């Protein structure tokens, strides 16, 4: 007898976006995607450095959840898991927002710490990758925090969440349009000041491969595929480094209006993609990375694998 198919939903309420994944699971550790959607919420705007969720940010979050609820009902999901990350876990008034979500939707929000976030990211990532026979570094770039996971095959060797996400950088370092080289150097110096633990562990293990998860990496892959429509980069997961450097230069040397016209650029990431590509370029250089791999899977897929009965 075939396993009973159950429809589950995962909502990843992050600092910049509210992501929905609806999938069928059968208890065998796998799932089949029915629907995905991403809504810009900017939960951290204006308050992330004050450790507060501003009223307008809460409203944006509730609006996004309302839109996701429509699809959750449409597909008949029997279980919903709502995960809150950096902007919410760092907010002193998060209980106000959690109460409003509970009252309006009947959902209990799981506010997870950085370590748990990294674990879910890795669980989602490792199940989407081609076999890797060497040590590799997983990177998820978020609005409030960036997660790094050093791994070997299917085993985590080290993980850490750093509060140096894109929304934080945008508020701390207002940039020209396009950014100047001194402004980029200042941001890189700030990144360097926060990443001593990463440099130390990578000096010990020497990973040569960087796996970029979802978010900004999806946008970069969209740009690449728009440039090379006949290529199969996404299918192979490989993101050629020379192509990344070309795209990086194209993004940081034009203004916002021109950037928004680049084929493949997510209109909700026109501002954030600048900081993201500066950060990726910095990491590639700082850690002497020789190969870049892309995966669409990340936190929400890791949670869905757990709901599907996948091994931890």
C-alpha atoms as a PDB file:
ATOM      1  CA  UNK A   1       0.000   0.000   0.000  1.00  0.00           C
ATOM      2  CA  UNK A   2       1.290   3.430  -0.907  1.00  0.00           C
ATOM      3  CA  UNK A   3       2.086   5.813   1.914  1.00  0.00           C
ATOM      4  CA  UNK A   4      -0.624   8.304   2.775  1.00  0.00           C
ATOM      5  CA  UNK A   5       0.015  11.626   1.062  1.00  0.00           C
ATOM      6  CA  UNK A   6      -0.204  14.633   3.375  1.00  0.00           C
ATOM      7  CA  UNK A   7      -0.134  18.259   2.281  1.00  0.00           C
ATOM      8  CA  UNK A   8       2.047  20.459   4.489  1.00  0.00           C
ATOM      9  CA  UNK A   9       2.987  24.134   4.406  1.00  0.00           C
ATOM     10  CA  UNK A  10       6.104  25.903   5.645  1.00  0.00           C
ATOM     11  CA  UNK A  11       6.339  29.683   5.988  1.00  0.00           C
ATOM     12  CA  UNK A  12       9.787  31.192   6.458  1.00  0.00           C
ATOM     13  CA  UNK A  13       9.240  34.709   7.808  1.00  0.00           C
ATOM     14  CA  UNK A  14      12.613  36.344   7.405  1.00  0.00           C
ATOM     15  CA  UNK A  15      13.943  39.862   7.711  1.00  0.00           C
ATOM     16  CA  UNK A  16      13.369  40.752   4.052  1.00  0.00           C
ATOM     17  CA  UNK A  17      10.981  38.149   2.667  1.00  0.00           C
ATOM     18  CA  UNK A  18       8.148  35.868   3.702  1.00  0.00           C
ATOM     19  CA  UNK A  19       8.561  32.582   1.831  1.00  0.00           C
ATOM     20  CA  UNK A  20       5.911  29.902   1.424  1.00  0.00           C
ATOM     21  CA  UNK A  21       6.403  26.256   0.469  1.00  0.00           C
ATOM     22  CA  UNK A  22       3.469  23.871   0.074  1.00  0.00           C
ATOM     23  CA  UNK A  23       4.275  20.228  -0.623  1.00  0.00           C
ATOM     24  CA  UNK A  24       2.974  16.701  -0.353  1.00  0.00           C
ATOM     25  CA  UNK A  25       4.809  14.396   2.032  1.00  0.00           C
ATOM     26  CA  UNK A  26       4.424  10.683   2.574  1.00  0.00           C
ATOM     27  CA  UNK A  27       6.541   9.994   5.641  1.00  0.00           C
ATOM     28  CA  UNK A  28       9.473   8.546   3.691  1.00  0.00           C
ATOM     29  CA  UNK A  29      11.682  11.604   4.026  1.00  0.00           C
ATOM     30  CA  UNK A  30      10.824  13.139   0.651  1.00  0.00           C
ATOM     31  CA  UNK A  31       8.376  15.736  -0.562  1.00  0.00           C
ATOM     32  CA  UNK A  32       6.877  16.976  -3.817  1.00  0.00           C
ATOM     33  CA  UNK A  33       6.455  20.729  -4.275  1.00  0.00           C
ATOM     34  CA  UNK A  34       2.948  21.968  -5.062  1.00  0.00           C
ATOM     35  CA  UNK A  35       3.436  25.707  -4.679  1.00  0.00           C
ATOM     36  CA  UNK A  36       6.121  28.253  -3.795  1.00  0.00           C
ATOM     37  CA  UNK A  37       5.799  31.976  -3.281  1.00  0.00           C
ATOM     38  CA  UNK A  38       7.950  34.816  -2.007  1.00  0.00           C
ATOM     39  CA  UNK A  39       6.622  38.146  -0.716  1.00  0.00           C
ATOM     40  CA  UNK A  40       8.800  41.112   0.271  1.00  0.00           C
ATOM     41  CA  UNK A  41       8.074  42.176   3.874  1.00  0.00           C
ATOM     42  CA  UNK A  42      11.164  44.067   5.101  1.00  0.00           C
ATOM     43  CA  UNK A  43      10.435  43.159   8.722  1.00  0.00           C
ATOM     44  CA  UNK A  44      13.680  44.758   9.849  1.00  0.00           C
ATOM     45  CA  UNK A  45      13.287  48.102   8.115  1.00  0.00           C
ATOM     46  CA  UNK A  46      13.872  51.002  10.484  1.00  0.00           C
ATOM     47  CA  UNK A  47      14.020  48.825  13.579  1.00  0.00           C
ATOM     48  CA  UNK A  48      16.568  46.060  13.207  1.00  0.00           C
ATOM     49  CA  UNK A  49      19.341  48.023  14.963  1.00  0.00           C
ATOM     50  CA  UNK A  50      16.874  49.181  17.622  1.00  0.00           C
ATOM     51  CA  UNK A  51      15.847  45.556  18.236  1.00  0.00           C
ATOM     52  CA  UNK A  52      12.227  46.415  17.507  1.00  0.00           C
ATOM     53  CA  UNK A  53       9.570  45.479  14.981  1.00  0.00           C
ATOM     54  CA  UNK A  54       8.017  48.756  13.886  1.00  0.00           C
ATOM     55  CA  UNK A  55       4.191  48.868  13.538  1.00  0.00           C
ATOM     56  CA  UNK A  56       4.385  49.193   9.760  1.00  0.00           C
ATOM     57  CA  UNK A  57       6.712  46.172   9.597  1.00  0.00           C
ATOM     58  CA  UNK A  58       4.231  44.114  11.604  1.00  0.00           C
ATOM     59  CA  UNK A  59       1.471  45.147   9.204  1.00  0.00           C
ATOM     60  CA  UNK A  60       3.558  44.103   6.213  1.00  0.00           C
ATOM     61  CA  UNK A  61       4.184  40.750   7.871  1.00  0.00           C
ATOM     62  CA  UNK A  62       0.500  40.190   8.623  1.00  0.00           C
ATOM     63  CA  UNK A  63      -0.465  41.156   5.078  1.00  0.00           C
ATOM     64  CA  UNK A  64       2.024  38.656   3.633  1.00  0.00           C
ATOM     65  CA  UNK A  65       0.758  35.927   5.943  1.00  0.00           C
ATOM     66  CA  UNK A  66      -2.824  36.688   4.857  1.00  0.00           C
ATOM     67  CA  UNK A  67      -1.832  36.246   1.223  1.00  0.00           C
ATOM     68  CA  UNK A  68      -0.073  32.979   2.001  1.00  0.00           C
ATOM     69  CA  UNK A  69      -3.099  31.784   3.978  1.00  0.00           C
ATOM     70  CA  UNK A  70      -5.199  32.009   0.797  1.00  0.00           C
ATOM     71  CA  UNK A  71      -2.934  29.502  -0.951  1.00  0.00           C
ATOM     72  CA  UNK A  72      -2.610  27.309   2.121  1.00  0.00           C
ATOM     73  CA  UNK A  73      -6.404  26.978   2.174  1.00  0.00           C
ATOM     74  CA  UNK A  74      -6.563  26.540  -1.597  1.00  0.00           C
ATOM     75  CA  UNK A  75      -4.198  23.579  -1.513  1.00  0.00           C
ATOM     76  CA  UNK A  76      -5.747  22.165   1.664  1.00  0.00           C
ATOM     77  CA  UNK A  77      -2.598  21.961   3.755  1.00  0.00           C
ATOM     78  CA  UNK A  78      -3.297  19.990   6.917  1.00  0.00           C
ATOM     79  CA  UNK A  79      -0.357  21.388   8.860  1.00  0.00           C
ATOM     80  CA  UNK A  80       1.368  24.757   8.819  1.00  0.00           C
ATOM     81  CA  UNK A  81       4.746  25.543  10.343  1.00  0.00           C
ATOM     82  CA  UNK A  82       5.634  29.214  10.621  1.00  0.00           C
ATOM     83  CA  UNK A  83       9.329  29.911  11.262  1.00  0.00           C
ATOM     84  CA  UNK A  84      10.593  33.297  12.447  1.00  0.00           C
ATOM     85  CA  UNK A  85      14.261  34.195  12.069  1.00  0.00           C
ATOM     86  CA  UNK A  86      16.664  37.072  12.662  1.00  0.00           C
ATOM     87  CA  UNK A  87      14.525  40.241  12.723  1.00  0.00           C
ATOM     88  CA  UNK A  88      11.894  38.562  14.878  1.00  0.00           C
ATOM     89  CA  UNK A  89      14.206  36.736  17.266  1.00  0.00           C
ATOM     90  CA  UNK A  90      16.160  39.943  17.830  1.00  0.00           C
ATOM     91  CA  UNK A  91      13.109  42.113  18.527  1.00  0.00           C
ATOM     92  CA  UNK A  92      12.287  42.943  22.140  1.00  0.00           C
ATOM     93  CA  UNK A  93       8.605  43.328  21.182  1.00  0.00           C
ATOM     94  CA  UNK A  94       8.365  40.076  19.219  1.00  0.00           C
ATOM     95  CA  UNK A  95       5.722  38.658  21.589  1.00  0.00           C
ATOM     96  CA  UNK A  96       3.320  41.394  20.454  1.00  0.00           C
ATOM     97  CA  UNK A  97       3.678  40.248  16.872  1.00  0.00           C
ATOM     98  CA  UNK A  98       3.531  36.551  17.783  1.00  0.00           C
ATOM     99  CA  UNK A  99       0.284  37.184  19.693  1.00  0.00           C
ATOM    100  CA  UNK A 100      -1.219  39.003  16.712  1.00  0.00           C
ATOM    101  CA  UNK A 101      -0.309  36.117  14.404  1.00  0.00           C
ATOM    102  CA  UNK A 102      -1.803  33.589  16.817  1.00  0.00           C
ATOM    103  CA  UNK A 103      -4.998  35.599  17.212  1.00  0.00           C
ATOM    104  CA  UNK A 104      -5.480  36.187  13.495  1.00  0.00           C
ATOM    105  CA  UNK A 105      -4.387  32.879  11.972  1.00  0.00           C
ATOM    106  CA  UNK A 106      -4.250  30.371  14.813  1.00  0.00           C
ATOM    107  CA  UNK A 107      -0.613  29.626  13.990  1.00  0.00           C
ATOM    108  CA  UNK A 108       2.120  29.230  16.596  1.00  0.00           C
ATOM    109  CA  UNK A 109       5.274  30.904  15.330  1.00  0.00           C
ATOM    110  CA  UNK A 110       8.524  29.046  15.961  1.00  0.00           C
ATOM    111  CA  UNK A 111      11.214  31.640  16.571  1.00  0.00           C
ATOM    112  CA  UNK A 112      14.454  29.748  16.073  1.00  0.00           C
ATOM    113  CA  UNK A 113      17.997  30.690  17.045  1.00  0.00           C
ATOM    114  CA  UNK A 114      20.882  31.012  14.606  1.00  0.00           C
ATOM    115  CA  UNK A 115      22.181  27.486  15.203  1.00  0.00           C
ATOM    116  CA  UNK A 116      18.802  25.925  14.477  1.00  0.00           C
ATOM    117  CA  UNK A 117      18.440  28.114  11.417  1.00  0.00           C
ATOM    118  CA  UNK A 118      21.810  26.862  10.132  1.00  0.00           C
ATOM    119  CA  UNK A 119      20.760  23.254  10.745  1.00  0.00           C
ATOM    120  CA  UNK A 120      17.572  23.656   8.727  1.00  0.00           C
ATOM    121  CA  UNK A 121      19.456  25.426   5.949  1.00  0.00           C
ATOM    122  CA  UNK A 122      21.942  22.565   5.790  1.00  0.00           C
ATOM    123  CA  UNK A 123      19.195  19.937   5.824  1.00  0.00           C
ATOM    124  CA  UNK A 124      17.518  21.644   2.885  1.00  0.00           C
ATOM    125  CA  UNK A 125      20.788  22.158   1.060  1.00  0.00           C
ATOM    126  CA  UNK A 126      22.386  18.746   1.436  1.00  0.00           C
ATOM    127  CA  UNK A 127      19.312  17.031   0.010  1.00  0.00           C
ATOM    128  CA  UNK A 128      19.507  19.126  -3.156  1.00  0.00           C
ATOM    129  CA  UNK A 129      23.203  18.884  -4.015  1.00  0.00           C
ATOM    130  CA  UNK A 130      25.103  16.613  -6.356  1.00  0.00           C
ATOM    131  CA  UNK A 131      27.552  14.359  -4.494  1.00  0.00           C
ATOM    132  CA  UNK A 132      30.452  16.386  -3.077  1.00  0.00           C
ATOM    133  CA  UNK A 133      33.565  14.447  -2.163  1.00  0.00           C
ATOM    134  CA  UNK A 134      35.410  17.320  -0.533  1.00  0.00           C
ATOM    135  CA  UNK A 135      34.753  19.724   2.299  1.00  0.00           C
ATOM    136  CA  UNK A 136      32.454  22.581   1.346  1.00  0.00           C
ATOM    137  CA  UNK A 137      31.038  25.753   2.829  1.00  0.00           C
ATOM    138  CA  UNK A 138      27.315  26.532   2.692  1.00  0.00           C
ATOM    139  CA  UNK A 139      26.217  30.181   2.748  1.00  0.00           C
ATOM    140  CA  UNK A 140      22.717  31.546   3.192  1.00  0.00           C
ATOM    141  CA  UNK A 141      22.539  35.340   2.885  1.00  0.00           C
ATOM    142  CA  UNK A 142      19.654  36.812   4.848  1.00  0.00           C
ATOM    143  CA  UNK A 143      18.382  40.230   5.736  1.00  0.00           C
ATOM    144  CA  UNK A 144      19.293  40.047   9.412  1.00  0.00           C
ATOM    145  CA  UNK A 145      21.878  37.269   9.554  1.00  0.00           C
ATOM    146  CA  UNK A 146      24.133  35.229   7.295  1.00  0.00           C
ATOM    147  CA  UNK A 147      24.572  31.534   8.047  1.00  0.00           C
ATOM    148  CA  UNK A 148      27.723  29.560   7.285  1.00  0.00           C
ATOM    149  CA  UNK A 149      27.917  25.776   7.545  1.00  0.00           C
ATOM    150  CA  UNK A 150      31.158  23.888   6.974  1.00  0.00           C
ATOM    151  CA  UNK A 151      30.419  20.317   5.945  1.00  0.00           C
ATOM    152  CA  UNK A 152      31.866  17.111   4.605  1.00  0.00           C
ATOM    153  CA  UNK A 153      29.490  14.942   2.590  1.00  0.00           C
ATOM    154  CA  UNK A 154      26.311  14.862   4.733  1.00  0.00           C
ATOM    155  CA  UNK A 155      27.942  15.853   8.026  1.00  0.00           C
ATOM    156  CA  UNK A 156      28.157  19.294   9.600  1.00  0.00           C
ATOM    157  CA  UNK A 157      31.660  20.051  10.861  1.00  0.00           C
ATOM    158  CA  UNK A 158      30.933  23.600  12.053  1.00  0.00           C
ATOM    159  CA  UNK A 159      28.139  26.135  11.801  1.00  0.00           C
ATOM    160  CA  UNK A 160      27.579  29.735  12.829  1.00  0.00           C
ATOM    161  CA  UNK A 161      25.075  32.528  12.297  1.00  0.00           C
ATOM    162  CA  UNK A 162      26.511  36.043  11.957  1.00  0.00           C
ATOM    163  CA  UNK A 163      24.365  39.155  12.464  1.00  0.00           C
ATOM    164  CA  UNK A 164      25.676  40.834   9.327  1.00  0.00           C
ATOM    165  CA  UNK A 165      22.687  40.450   7.026  1.00  0.00           C
ATOM    166  CA  UNK A 166      21.819  42.704   4.109  1.00  0.00           C
ATOM    167  CA  UNK A 167      19.199  44.816   5.899  1.00  0.00           C
ATOM    168  CA  UNK A 168      21.695  45.622   8.650  1.00  0.00           C
ATOM    169  CA  UNK A 169      24.327  46.696   6.125  1.00  0.00           C
ATOM    170  CA  UNK A 170      21.903  48.903   4.199  1.00  0.00           C
ATOM    171  CA  UNK A 171      20.980  50.804   7.368  1.00  0.00           C
ATOM    172  CA  UNK A 172      24.548  51.097   8.655  1.00  0.00           C
ATOM    173  CA  UNK A 173      26.221  52.025   5.360  1.00  0.00           C
ATOM    174  CA  UNK A 174      24.170  54.272   3.069  1.00  0.00           C
ATOM    175  CA  UNK A 175      25.827  54.052  -0.345  1.00  0.00           C
ATOM    176  CA  UNK A 176      26.063  56.153  -3.469  1.00  0.00           C
ATOM    177  CA  UNK A 177      24.231  54.928  -6.553  1.00  0.00           C
ATOM    178  CA  UNK A 178      26.228  53.132  -7.861  1.00  0.00           C
ATOM    179  CA  UNK A 179      28.504  52.542  -4.857  1.00  0.00           C
ATOM    180  CA  UNK A 180      32.017  53.973  -4.888  1.00  0.00           C
ATOM    181  CA  UNK A 181      35.094  51.832  -4.347  1.00  0.00           C
ATOM    182  CA  UNK A 182      35.840  53.495  -0.962  1.00  0.00           C
ATOM    183  CA  UNK A 183      32.276  52.688   0.153  1.00  0.00           C
ATOM    184  CA  UNK A 184      32.667  49.076  -0.916  1.00  0.00           C
ATOM    185  CA  UNK A 185      36.027  48.878   0.886  1.00  0.00           C
ATOM    186  CA  UNK A 186      34.425  50.220   4.073  1.00  0.00           C
ATOM    187  CA  UNK A 187      31.690  47.576   3.973  1.00  0.00           C
ATOM    188  CA  UNK A 188      34.263  44.847   3.312  1.00  0.00           C
ATOM    189  CA  UNK A 189      36.281  46.048   6.289  1.00  0.00           C
ATOM    190  CA  UNK A 190      33.147  45.737   8.434  1.00  0.00           C
ATOM    191  CA  UNK A 191      32.514  42.205   7.146  1.00  0.00           C
ATOM    192  CA  UNK A 192      36.131  41.297   7.917  1.00  0.00           C
ATOM    193  CA  UNK A 193      35.802  42.560  11.494  1.00  0.00           C
ATOM    194  CA  UNK A 194      32.926  40.146  12.182  1.00  0.00           C
ATOM    195  CA  UNK A 195      34.195  36.982  10.524  1.00  0.00           C
ATOM    196  CA  UNK A 196      37.248  35.912  12.534  1.00  0.00           C
ATOM    197  CA  UNK A 197      35.633  32.567  13.567  1.00  0.00           C
ATOM    198  CA  UNK A 198      34.920  31.789   9.908  1.00  0.00           C
ATOM    199  CA  UNK A 199      38.466  32.554   8.824  1.00  0.00           C
ATOM    200  CA  UNK A 200      39.849  30.430  11.640  1.00  0.00           C
ATOM    201  CA  UNK A 201      37.795  27.321  10.825  1.00  0.00           C
ATOM    202  CA  UNK A 202      38.383  27.679   7.091  1.00  0.00           C
ATOM    203  CA  UNK A 203      42.121  28.075   7.633  1.00  0.00           C
ATOM    204  CA  UNK A 204      42.004  24.710   9.386  1.00  0.00           C
ATOM    205  CA  UNK A 205      39.804  22.835   6.870  1.00  0.00           C
ATOM    206  CA  UNK A 206      40.537  24.723   3.617  1.00  0.00           C
ATOM    207  CA  UNK A 207      37.170  24.342   1.852  1.00  0.00           C
ATOM    208  CA  UNK A 208      37.421  25.075  -1.865  1.00  0.00           C
ATOM    209  CA  UNK A 209      33.700  24.943  -2.672  1.00  0.00           C
ATOM    210  CA  UNK A 210      31.055  27.511  -1.724  1.00  0.00           C
ATOM    211  CA  UNK A 211      27.398  26.456  -1.896  1.00  0.00           C
ATOM    212  CA  UNK A 212      25.096  29.464  -2.218  1.00  0.00           C
ATOM    213  CA  UNK A 213      21.515  28.975  -1.043  1.00  0.00           C
ATOM    214  CA  UNK A 214      18.353  30.505  -2.433  1.00  0.00           C
ATOM    215  CA  UNK A 215      17.671  34.258  -2.048  1.00  0.00           C
ATOM    216  CA  UNK A 216      20.358  36.418  -3.635  1.00  0.00           C
ATOM    217  CA  UNK A 217      21.930  33.359  -5.253  1.00  0.00           C
ATOM    218  CA  UNK A 218      18.618  32.628  -7.008  1.00  0.00           C
ATOM    219  CA  UNK A 219      18.665  36.156  -8.415  1.00  0.00           C
ATOM    220  CA  UNK A 220      22.252  35.750  -9.607  1.00  0.00           C
ATOM    221  CA  UNK A 221      21.321  32.462 -11.280  1.00  0.00           C
ATOM    222  CA  UNK A 222      18.310  34.133 -12.922  1.00  0.00           C
ATOM    223  CA  UNK A 223      20.630  36.821 -14.329  1.00  0.00           C
ATOM    224  CA  UNK A 224      23.055  34.178 -15.561  1.00  0.00           C
ATOM    225  CA  UNK A 225      20.336  32.157 -17.271  1.00  0.00           C
ATOM    226  CA  UNK A 226      18.886  35.281 -18.870  1.00  0.00           C
ATOM    227  CA  UNK A 227      22.347  35.913 -20.357  1.00  0.00           C
ATOM    228  CA  UNK A 228      22.822  32.298 -21.422  1.00  0.00           C
ATOM    229  CA  UNK A 229      19.317  30.965 -22.191  1.00  0.00           C
ATOM    230  CA  UNK A 230      20.607  27.772 -23.809  1.00  0.00           C
ATOM    231  CA  UNK A 231      22.886  26.840 -20.897  1.00  0.00           C
ATOM    232  CA  UNK A 232      22.072  24.329 -18.168  1.00  0.00           C
ATOM    233  CA  UNK A 233      23.702  25.996 -15.168  1.00  0.00           C
ATOM    234  CA  UNK A 234      20.713  25.539 -12.857  1.00  0.00           C
ATOM    235  CA  UNK A 235      20.345  21.871 -13.760  1.00  0.00           C
ATOM    236  CA  UNK A 236      24.017  21.176 -13.075  1.00  0.00           C
ATOM    237  CA  UNK A 237      24.075  23.456  -9.977  1.00  0.00           C
ATOM    238  CA  UNK A 238      27.447  24.868 -11.092  1.00  0.00           C
ATOM    239  CA  UNK A 239      27.832  28.654 -11.154  1.00  0.00           C
ATOM    240  CA  UNK A 240      31.040  29.416 -13.105  1.00  0.00           C
ATOM    241  CA  UNK A 241      33.172  31.871 -11.138  1.00  0.00           C
ATOM    242  CA  UNK A 242      34.068  33.888 -14.216  1.00  0.00           C
ATOM    243  CA  UNK A 243      30.341  34.409 -14.830  1.00  0.00           C
ATOM    244  CA  UNK A 244      29.806  35.501 -11.247  1.00  0.00           C
ATOM    245  CA  UNK A 245      32.576  38.100 -11.527  1.00  0.00           C
ATOM    246  CA  UNK A 246      31.068  39.433 -14.762  1.00  0.00           C
ATOM    247  CA  UNK A 247      27.650  39.782 -13.147  1.00  0.00           C
ATOM    248  CA  UNK A 248      29.163  41.303 -10.007  1.00  0.00           C
ATOM    249  CA  UNK A 249      30.866  44.018 -12.034  1.00  0.00           C
ATOM    250  CA  UNK A 250      27.708  44.646 -14.046  1.00  0.00           C
ATOM    251  CA  UNK A 251      25.679  45.136 -10.855  1.00  0.00           C
ATOM    252  CA  UNK A 252      28.027  47.393  -8.902  1.00  0.00           C
ATOM    253  CA  UNK A 253      28.835  49.744 -11.769  1.00  0.00           C
ATOM    254  CA  UNK A 254      25.305  50.874 -12.672  1.00  0.00           C
ATOM    255  CA  UNK A 255      22.642  52.819 -10.785  1.00  0.00           C
ATOM    256  CA  UNK A 256      19.416  51.458  -9.369  1.00  0.00           C
ATOM    257  CA  UNK A 257      17.334  52.271 -12.453  1.00  0.00           C
ATOM    258  CA  UNK A 258      19.757  50.558 -14.827  1.00  0.00           C
ATOM    259  CA  UNK A 259      20.149  47.630 -12.437  1.00  0.00           C
ATOM    260  CA  UNK A 260      16.386  47.081 -12.381  1.00  0.00           C
ATOM    261  CA  UNK A 261      16.447  46.708 -16.172  1.00  0.00           C
ATOM    262  CA  UNK A 262      19.006  43.872 -16.126  1.00  0.00           C
ATOM    263  CA  UNK A 263      17.247  40.703 -17.236  1.00  0.00           C
ATOM    264  CA  UNK A 264      16.751  38.332 -14.321  1.00  0.00           C
ATOM    265  CA  UNK A 265      16.959  40.926 -11.537  1.00  0.00           C
ATOM    266  CA  UNK A 266      14.210  40.403  -8.963  1.00  0.00           C
ATOM    267  CA  UNK A 267      12.496  43.778  -8.613  1.00  0.00           C
ATOM    268  CA  UNK A 268      12.296  43.273  -4.838  1.00  0.00           C
ATOM    269  CA  UNK A 269      16.085  42.771  -4.680  1.00  0.00           C
ATOM    270  CA  UNK A 270      17.295  45.722  -6.748  1.00  0.00           C
ATOM    271  CA  UNK A 271      18.683  47.417  -3.628  1.00  0.00           C
ATOM    272  CA  UNK A 272      19.752  44.336  -1.685  1.00  0.00           C
ATOM    273  CA  UNK A 273      21.514  42.529  -4.523  1.00  0.00           C
ATOM    274  CA  UNK A 274      24.303  45.130  -4.430  1.00  0.00           C
ATOM    275  CA  UNK A 275      25.268  44.264  -0.828  1.00  0.00           C
ATOM    276  CA  UNK A 276      24.785  40.565  -1.503  1.00  0.00           C
ATOM    277  CA  UNK A 277      27.131  40.491  -4.496  1.00  0.00           C
ATOM    278  CA  UNK A 278      29.716  42.588  -2.615  1.00  0.00           C
ATOM    279  CA  UNK A 279      29.542  40.073   0.240  1.00  0.00           C
ATOM    280  CA  UNK A 280      29.842  37.038  -2.028  1.00  0.00           C
ATOM    281  CA  UNK A 281      32.783  38.565  -3.877  1.00  0.00           C
ATOM    282  CA  UNK A 282      34.446  39.306  -0.535  1.00  0.00           C
ATOM    283  CA  UNK A 283      33.957  35.729   0.714  1.00  0.00           C
ATOM    284  CA  UNK A 284      35.268  34.187  -2.501  1.00  0.00           C
ATOM    285  CA  UNK A 285      38.427  36.300  -2.252  1.00  0.00           C
ATOM    286  CA  UNK A 286      38.859  36.100   1.533  1.00  0.00           C
ATOM    287  CA  UNK A 287      38.586  32.306   1.674  1.00  0.00           C
ATOM    288  CA  UNK A 288      40.268  31.556  -1.667  1.00  0.00           C
ATOM    289  CA  UNK A 289      37.205  29.681  -2.947  1.00  0.00           C
ATOM    290  CA  UNK A 290      37.694  27.909  -6.276  1.00  0.00           C
ATOM    291  CA  UNK A 291      34.182  26.643  -7.074  1.00  0.00           C
ATOM    292  CA  UNK A 292      30.682  28.072  -6.645  1.00  0.00           C
ATOM    293  CA  UNK A 293      27.556  25.908  -6.541  1.00  0.00           C
ATOM    294  CA  UNK A 294      23.971  27.145  -6.481  1.00  0.00           C
ATOM    295  CA  UNK A 295      20.936  25.573  -4.844  1.00  0.00           C
ATOM    296  CA  UNK A 296      17.385  26.863  -4.640  1.00  0.00           C
ATOM    297  CA  UNK A 297      16.815  24.869  -1.434  1.00  0.00           C
ATOM    298  CA  UNK A 298      17.350  26.403   2.002  1.00  0.00           C
ATOM    299  CA  UNK A 299      15.556  26.775   5.340  1.00  0.00           C
ATOM    300  CA  UNK A 300      11.958  26.118   4.298  1.00  0.00           C
ATOM    301  CA  UNK A 301      13.006  22.978   2.435  1.00  0.00           C
ATOM    302  CA  UNK A 302      14.932  21.823   5.512  1.00  0.00           C
ATOM    303  CA  UNK A 303      11.817  22.205   7.642  1.00  0.00           C
ATOM    304  CA  UNK A 304       9.752  20.387   5.010  1.00  0.00           C
ATOM    305  CA  UNK A 305      12.235  17.501   4.978  1.00  0.00           C
ATOM    306  CA  UNK A 306      11.752  17.254   8.744  1.00  0.00           C
ATOM    307  CA  UNK A 307       7.965  17.218   8.316  1.00  0.00           C
ATOM    308  CA  UNK A 308       8.389  14.500   5.699  1.00  0.00           C
ATOM    309  CA  UNK A 309      10.177  12.302   8.211  1.00  0.00           C
ATOM    310  CA  UNK A 310      13.667  12.863   6.853  1.00  0.00           C
ATOM    311  CA  UNK A 311      16.635  12.056   9.066  1.00  0.00           C
ATOM    312  CA  UNK A 312      18.247  14.908  11.005  1.00  0.00           C
END
